[in-house]
Amino acid sequence: MRYSVTLFVLLFSITTCFSQNKYEREHRILKKQFPPEALAFISQKLESVKRIRFYKEIDSTKTRFEAKFKKDRLHYNLVFSKPGTLKAAGITIKEIDIPSDSWDNVAGYLNRNFKKIRIKKIQQQYPVSPDTPPAKVLFDAFQNLLLPYLNYEVTFTGKKEMYHGEFEVLFDAQGNLIRIRKSLPANHDHVLY
């Protein structure tokens, strides 16, 4: 009996360690609260951008900073780590902008695993890696190139089993699943009644 209880506790702790729920909150911040290294990068690399806004995103494991802006009638975002190094660049796109084979894989996964899907946002992401330095990532994002290293992040509301809410799903360039996580609802702390 004692061994079965220990085994149950062990299995339960393992499954909770591998869960993919990372709850995050994003809120707007002032320019002076943004990391100085990231501000220097932005001032050097970004020209002719409109409506630049700064955000801080906190989740259960890390803090990220995000700069959102508009360039050539497209909505971009740059994601920075807490020290201020570029982690990824992204563009908000529509379904039609994704190659049909990739979108078929994405839509197939969503339709098999969720009910009542309503897509809120699709983003084409260019992650920084040792093979793709920040300058190349930024160039590729501004050229809106379809490259094998990019990812698609789909934010939507839907129902899975008994949970109905908002999800973020990350796919690779071919439409294969990388990660899925539940999202928290928008933060409306600034609203006064």
C-alpha atoms as a PDB file:
ATOM      1  CA  MET A   1       0.000   0.000   0.000  1.00  0.00           C
ATOM      2  CA  ARG A   2       2.782   2.389   0.907  1.00  0.00           C
ATOM      3  CA  TYR A   3       4.591   1.747  -2.368  1.00  0.00           C
ATOM      4  CA  SER A   4       1.465   2.408  -4.430  1.00  0.00           C
ATOM      5  CA  VAL A   5       0.954   5.788  -2.727  1.00  0.00           C
ATOM      6  CA  THR A   6       4.605   6.676  -3.350  1.00  0.00           C
ATOM      7  CA  LEU A   7       4.300   5.601  -6.980  1.00  0.00           C
ATOM      8  CA  PHE A   8       1.121   7.671  -7.400  1.00  0.00           C
ATOM      9  CA  VAL A   9       2.778  10.775  -5.934  1.00  0.00           C
ATOM     10  CA  LEU A  10       5.840  10.268  -8.120  1.00  0.00           C
ATOM     11  CA  LEU A  11       3.776   9.890 -11.309  1.00  0.00           C
ATOM     12  CA  PHE A  12       1.627  12.891 -10.432  1.00  0.00           C
ATOM     13  CA  SER A  13       4.685  15.097  -9.834  1.00  0.00           C
ATOM     14  CA  ILE A  14       6.271  13.982 -13.115  1.00  0.00           C
ATOM     15  CA  THR A  15       3.171  14.804 -15.155  1.00  0.00           C
ATOM     16  CA  THR A  16       2.858  18.227 -13.568  1.00  0.00           C
ATOM     17  CA  CYS A  17       6.530  18.929 -14.323  1.00  0.00           C
ATOM     18  CA  PHE A  18       5.933  18.263 -18.020  1.00  0.00           C
ATOM     19  CA  SER A  19       2.737  20.287 -18.347  1.00  0.00           C
ATOM     20  CA  GLN A  20       2.793  23.013 -20.949  1.00  0.00           C
ATOM     21  CA  ASN A  21       0.834  25.708 -19.176  1.00  0.00           C
ATOM     22  CA  LYS A  22       2.896  28.845 -18.865  1.00  0.00           C
ATOM     23  CA  TYR A  23       0.677  31.644 -17.762  1.00  0.00           C
ATOM     24  CA  GLU A  24       1.920  35.018 -18.891  1.00  0.00           C
ATOM     25  CA  ARG A  25       0.846  38.613 -18.462  1.00  0.00           C
ATOM     26  CA  GLU A  26       1.813  41.417 -20.786  1.00  0.00           C
ATOM     27  CA  HIS A  27       1.519  45.063 -19.860  1.00  0.00           C
ATOM     28  CA  ARG A  28       2.668  48.285 -21.434  1.00  0.00           C
ATOM     29  CA  ILE A  29       5.653  50.066 -19.917  1.00  0.00           C
ATOM     30  CA  LEU A  30       7.461  53.357 -20.383  1.00  0.00           C
ATOM     31  CA  LYS A  31      10.482  53.640 -22.660  1.00  0.00           C
ATOM     32  CA  LYS A  32      12.761  54.264 -19.674  1.00  0.00           C
ATOM     33  CA  GLN A  33      11.701  50.894 -18.182  1.00  0.00           C
ATOM     34  CA  PHE A  34      12.887  49.018 -21.298  1.00  0.00           C
ATOM     35  CA  PRO A  35      16.389  47.412 -21.159  1.00  0.00           C
ATOM     36  CA  PRO A  36      19.070  49.920 -22.306  1.00  0.00           C
ATOM     37  CA  GLU A  37      20.805  47.354 -24.548  1.00  0.00           C
ATOM     38  CA  ALA A  38      17.507  46.674 -26.348  1.00  0.00           C
ATOM     39  CA  LEU A  39      16.868  50.419 -26.758  1.00  0.00           C
ATOM     40  CA  ALA A  40      20.320  50.839 -28.296  1.00  0.00           C
ATOM     41  CA  PHE A  41      19.617  47.983 -30.722  1.00  0.00           C
ATOM     42  CA  ILE A  42      16.273  49.526 -31.677  1.00  0.00           C
ATOM     43  CA  SER A  43      17.739  52.986 -32.252  1.00  0.00           C
ATOM     44  CA  GLN A  44      20.485  51.543 -34.489  1.00  0.00           C
ATOM     45  CA  LYS A  45      18.387  49.120 -36.536  1.00  0.00           C
ATOM     46  CA  LEU A  46      14.917  50.629 -36.848  1.00  0.00           C
ATOM     47  CA  GLU A  47      14.275  53.438 -39.260  1.00  0.00           C
ATOM     48  CA  SER A  48      10.964  54.824 -40.505  1.00  0.00           C
ATOM     49  CA  VAL A  49       8.873  52.925 -37.969  1.00  0.00           C
ATOM     50  CA  LYS A  50       5.610  54.245 -36.609  1.00  0.00           C
ATOM     51  CA  ARG A  51       3.870  53.897 -33.274  1.00  0.00           C
ATOM     52  CA  ILE A  52       6.561  52.095 -31.329  1.00  0.00           C
ATOM     53  CA  ARG A  53       5.283  50.775 -28.011  1.00  0.00           C
ATOM     54  CA  PHE A  54       7.086  48.952 -25.229  1.00  0.00           C
ATOM     55  CA  TYR A  55       5.768  45.981 -23.251  1.00  0.00           C
ATOM     56  CA  LYS A  56       6.908  43.726 -20.432  1.00  0.00           C
ATOM     57  CA  GLU A  57       5.746  40.127 -20.375  1.00  0.00           C
ATOM     58  CA  ILE A  58       6.045  38.085 -17.196  1.00  0.00           C
ATOM     59  CA  ASP A  59       5.280  34.383 -16.949  1.00  0.00           C
ATOM     60  CA  SER A  60       6.014  31.675 -14.425  1.00  0.00           C
ATOM     61  CA  THR A  61       9.587  31.099 -15.626  1.00  0.00           C
ATOM     62  CA  LYS A  62      10.991  34.300 -17.152  1.00  0.00           C
ATOM     63  CA  THR A  63      10.587  37.974 -18.003  1.00  0.00           C
ATOM     64  CA  ARG A  64      10.646  39.208 -21.597  1.00  0.00           C
ATOM     65  CA  PHE A  65      10.416  42.633 -23.161  1.00  0.00           C
ATOM     66  CA  GLU A  66       8.664  43.392 -26.408  1.00  0.00           C
ATOM     67  CA  ALA A  67       8.720  46.370 -28.764  1.00  0.00           C
ATOM     68  CA  LYS A  68       5.723  46.615 -31.088  1.00  0.00           C
ATOM     69  CA  PHE A  69       5.638  48.958 -34.061  1.00  0.00           C
ATOM     70  CA  LYS A  70       4.318  49.512 -37.552  1.00  0.00           C
ATOM     71  CA  LYS A  71       6.546  49.600 -40.648  1.00  0.00           C
ATOM     72  CA  ASP A  72       5.386  49.655 -44.263  1.00  0.00           C
ATOM     73  CA  ARG A  73       1.774  49.053 -43.151  1.00  0.00           C
ATOM     74  CA  LEU A  74       2.712  45.823 -41.357  1.00  0.00           C
ATOM     75  CA  HIS A  75       2.641  45.181 -37.603  1.00  0.00           C
ATOM     76  CA  TYR A  76       5.957  43.928 -36.207  1.00  0.00           C
ATOM     77  CA  ASN A  77       7.261  42.982 -32.792  1.00  0.00           C
ATOM     78  CA  LEU A  78      10.747  42.386 -31.428  1.00  0.00           C
ATOM     79  CA  VAL A  79      11.166  40.144 -28.383  1.00  0.00           C
ATOM     80  CA  PHE A  80      14.097  40.759 -26.036  1.00  0.00           C
ATOM     81  CA  SER A  81      15.394  38.902 -22.995  1.00  0.00           C
ATOM     82  CA  LYS A  82      15.676  40.671 -19.637  1.00  0.00           C
ATOM     83  CA  PRO A  83      19.307  41.737 -20.298  1.00  0.00           C
ATOM     84  CA  GLY A  84      18.235  43.156 -23.672  1.00  0.00           C
ATOM     85  CA  THR A  85      19.364  40.608 -26.288  1.00  0.00           C
ATOM     86  CA  LEU A  86      17.084  39.999 -29.262  1.00  0.00           C
ATOM     87  CA  LYS A  87      15.306  36.626 -29.084  1.00  0.00           C
ATOM     88  CA  ALA A  88      12.878  36.843 -32.035  1.00  0.00           C
ATOM     89  CA  ALA A  89      11.182  39.122 -34.530  1.00  0.00           C
ATOM     90  CA  GLY A  90       7.609  38.677 -35.668  1.00  0.00           C
ATOM     91  CA  ILE A  91       5.001  39.925 -38.131  1.00  0.00           C
ATOM     92  CA  THR A  92       1.244  39.721 -37.763  1.00  0.00           C
ATOM     93  CA  ILE A  93      -0.141  37.902 -40.811  1.00  0.00           C
ATOM     94  CA  LYS A  94      -3.331  36.271 -42.101  1.00  0.00           C
ATOM     95  CA  GLU A  95      -4.069  32.674 -43.094  1.00  0.00           C
ATOM     96  CA  ILE A  96      -3.600  33.481 -46.774  1.00  0.00           C
ATOM     97  CA  ASP A  97       0.022  34.518 -46.130  1.00  0.00           C
ATOM     98  CA  ILE A  98       0.971  30.985 -45.020  1.00  0.00           C
ATOM     99  CA  PRO A  99       1.880  28.449 -47.745  1.00  0.00           C
ATOM    100  CA  SER A 100      -1.081  26.132 -48.379  1.00  0.00           C
ATOM    101  CA  ASP A 101       0.714  22.895 -47.354  1.00  0.00           C
ATOM    102  CA  SER A 102       1.771  24.419 -44.042  1.00  0.00           C
ATOM    103  CA  TRP A 103      -1.666  25.891 -43.392  1.00  0.00           C
ATOM    104  CA  ASP A 104      -3.329  22.535 -44.151  1.00  0.00           C
ATOM    105  CA  ASN A 105      -1.152  20.935 -41.443  1.00  0.00           C
ATOM    106  CA  VAL A 106      -1.941  23.738 -38.968  1.00  0.00           C
ATOM    107  CA  ALA A 107      -5.678  23.692 -39.657  1.00  0.00           C
ATOM    108  CA  GLY A 108      -5.745  19.890 -39.542  1.00  0.00           C
ATOM    109  CA  TYR A 109      -4.129  19.850 -36.096  1.00  0.00           C
ATOM    110  CA  LEU A 110      -6.482  22.535 -34.751  1.00  0.00           C
ATOM    111  CA  ASN A 111      -9.604  20.839 -36.124  1.00  0.00           C
ATOM    112  CA  ARG A 112      -8.591  17.411 -34.757  1.00  0.00           C
ATOM    113  CA  ASN A 113      -7.839  18.674 -31.256  1.00  0.00           C
ATOM    114  CA  PHE A 114     -10.211  21.587 -30.617  1.00  0.00           C
ATOM    115  CA  LYS A 115     -13.853  22.516 -31.054  1.00  0.00           C
ATOM    116  CA  LYS A 116     -15.396  25.921 -31.772  1.00  0.00           C
ATOM    117  CA  ILE A 117     -12.157  27.527 -32.947  1.00  0.00           C
ATOM    118  CA  ARG A 118     -11.977  31.281 -33.456  1.00  0.00           C
ATOM    119  CA  ILE A 119      -8.567  32.536 -34.556  1.00  0.00           C
ATOM    120  CA  LYS A 120      -7.595  35.837 -32.970  1.00  0.00           C
ATOM    121  CA  LYS A 121      -4.064  36.353 -34.307  1.00  0.00           C
ATOM    122  CA  ILE A 122      -1.455  34.644 -36.464  1.00  0.00           C
ATOM    123  CA  GLN A 123       2.158  35.655 -36.212  1.00  0.00           C
ATOM    124  CA  GLN A 124       5.123  34.696 -38.366  1.00  0.00           C
ATOM    125  CA  GLN A 125       8.172  34.480 -36.076  1.00  0.00           C
ATOM    126  CA  TYR A 126      11.870  34.583 -36.901  1.00  0.00           C
ATOM    127  CA  PRO A 127      13.784  33.216 -33.870  1.00  0.00           C
ATOM    128  CA  VAL A 128      17.405  34.134 -33.179  1.00  0.00           C
ATOM    129  CA  SER A 129      19.779  31.148 -33.058  1.00  0.00           C
ATOM    130  CA  PRO A 130      23.531  30.573 -33.524  1.00  0.00           C
ATOM    131  CA  ASP A 131      22.870  30.056 -37.259  1.00  0.00           C
ATOM    132  CA  THR A 132      20.724  33.196 -37.570  1.00  0.00           C
ATOM    133  CA  PRO A 133      22.214  36.227 -35.778  1.00  0.00           C
ATOM    134  CA  PRO A 134      20.020  39.222 -34.823  1.00  0.00           C
ATOM    135  CA  ALA A 135      20.932  41.312 -37.895  1.00  0.00           C
ATOM    136  CA  LYS A 136      19.912  38.486 -40.259  1.00  0.00           C
ATOM    137  CA  VAL A 137      16.700  37.828 -38.313  1.00  0.00           C
ATOM    138  CA  LEU A 138      15.747  41.487 -38.563  1.00  0.00           C
ATOM    139  CA  PHE A 139      16.568  41.599 -42.291  1.00  0.00           C
ATOM    140  CA  ASP A 140      14.538  38.433 -42.972  1.00  0.00           C
ATOM    141  CA  ALA A 141      11.571  39.737 -40.969  1.00  0.00           C
ATOM    142  CA  PHE A 142      11.518  43.096 -42.766  1.00  0.00           C
ATOM    143  CA  GLN A 143      11.728  41.306 -46.127  1.00  0.00           C
ATOM    144  CA  ASN A 144       8.884  38.996 -44.994  1.00  0.00           C
ATOM    145  CA  LEU A 145      10.794  35.996 -46.331  1.00  0.00           C
ATOM    146  CA  LEU A 146       9.418  32.456 -46.085  1.00  0.00           C
ATOM    147  CA  LEU A 147      12.404  30.558 -44.714  1.00  0.00           C
ATOM    148  CA  PRO A 148      12.706  27.051 -43.236  1.00  0.00           C
ATOM    149  CA  TYR A 149      13.639  28.331 -39.758  1.00  0.00           C
ATOM    150  CA  LEU A 150      10.554  30.498 -39.177  1.00  0.00           C
ATOM    151  CA  ASN A 151       7.637  29.589 -36.894  1.00  0.00           C
ATOM    152  CA  TYR A 152       3.934  30.362 -36.903  1.00  0.00           C
ATOM    153  CA  GLU A 153       2.202  31.277 -33.646  1.00  0.00           C
ATOM    154  CA  VAL A 154      -1.583  30.973 -33.723  1.00  0.00           C
ATOM    155  CA  THR A 155      -3.604  32.537 -30.900  1.00  0.00           C
ATOM    156  CA  PHE A 156      -7.235  31.413 -30.777  1.00  0.00           C
ATOM    157  CA  THR A 157     -10.171  30.630 -28.549  1.00  0.00           C
ATOM    158  CA  GLY A 158     -11.476  27.103 -28.551  1.00  0.00           C
ATOM    159  CA  LYS A 159     -12.622  24.164 -26.511  1.00  0.00           C
ATOM    160  CA  LYS A 160     -10.485  21.180 -25.563  1.00  0.00           C
ATOM    161  CA  GLU A 161     -12.054  18.501 -23.394  1.00  0.00           C
ATOM    162  CA  MET A 162     -13.780  20.441 -20.599  1.00  0.00           C
ATOM    163  CA  TYR A 163     -11.691  23.638 -20.866  1.00  0.00           C
ATOM    164  CA  HIS A 164     -12.898  26.514 -23.015  1.00  0.00           C
ATOM    165  CA  GLY A 165     -10.478  29.407 -23.318  1.00  0.00           C
ATOM    166  CA  GLU A 166      -7.622  30.989 -25.187  1.00  0.00           C
ATOM    167  CA  PHE A 167      -4.639  29.013 -26.469  1.00  0.00           C
ATOM    168  CA  GLU A 168      -1.294  29.783 -28.121  1.00  0.00           C
ATOM    169  CA  VAL A 169       0.045  27.138 -30.473  1.00  0.00           C
ATOM    170  CA  LEU A 170       3.488  27.300 -32.084  1.00  0.00           C
ATOM    171  CA  PHE A 171       4.163  25.502 -35.381  1.00  0.00           C
ATOM    172  CA  ASP A 172       7.310  25.210 -37.485  1.00  0.00           C
ATOM    173  CA  ALA A 173       7.522  26.339 -41.131  1.00  0.00           C
ATOM    174  CA  GLN A 174       5.982  23.056 -42.354  1.00  0.00           C
ATOM    175  CA  GLY A 175       3.037  23.287 -39.943  1.00  0.00           C
ATOM    176  CA  ASN A 176       4.284  20.713 -37.405  1.00  0.00           C
ATOM    177  CA  LEU A 177       3.426  21.301 -33.762  1.00  0.00           C
ATOM    178  CA  ILE A 178       6.217  22.669 -31.543  1.00  0.00           C
ATOM    179  CA  ARG A 179       4.331  23.747 -28.424  1.00  0.00           C
ATOM    180  CA  ILE A 180       0.857  24.488 -27.101  1.00  0.00           C
ATOM    181  CA  ARG A 181      -0.132  26.425 -24.014  1.00  0.00           C
ATOM    182  CA  LYS A 182      -3.151  28.010 -22.409  1.00  0.00           C
ATOM    183  CA  SER A 183      -3.282  31.792 -22.270  1.00  0.00           C
ATOM    184  CA  LEU A 184      -4.652  33.962 -19.542  1.00  0.00           C
ATOM    185  CA  PRO A 185      -7.357  36.476 -20.456  1.00  0.00           C
ATOM    186  CA  ALA A 186      -6.322  40.058 -21.140  1.00  0.00           C
ATOM    187  CA  ASN A 187      -5.293  42.159 -18.178  1.00  0.00           C
ATOM    188  CA  HIS A 188      -7.872  44.899 -17.551  1.00  0.00           C
ATOM    189  CA  ASP A 189      -6.414  46.276 -14.317  1.00  0.00           C
ATOM    190  CA  HIS A 190      -6.306  49.766 -15.794  1.00  0.00           C
ATOM    191  CA  VAL A 191     -10.094  49.970 -16.116  1.00  0.00           C
ATOM    192  CA  LEU A 192     -11.683  51.963 -13.318  1.00  0.00           C
ATOM    193  CA  TYR A 193     -15.358  51.585 -12.458  1.00  0.00           C
END
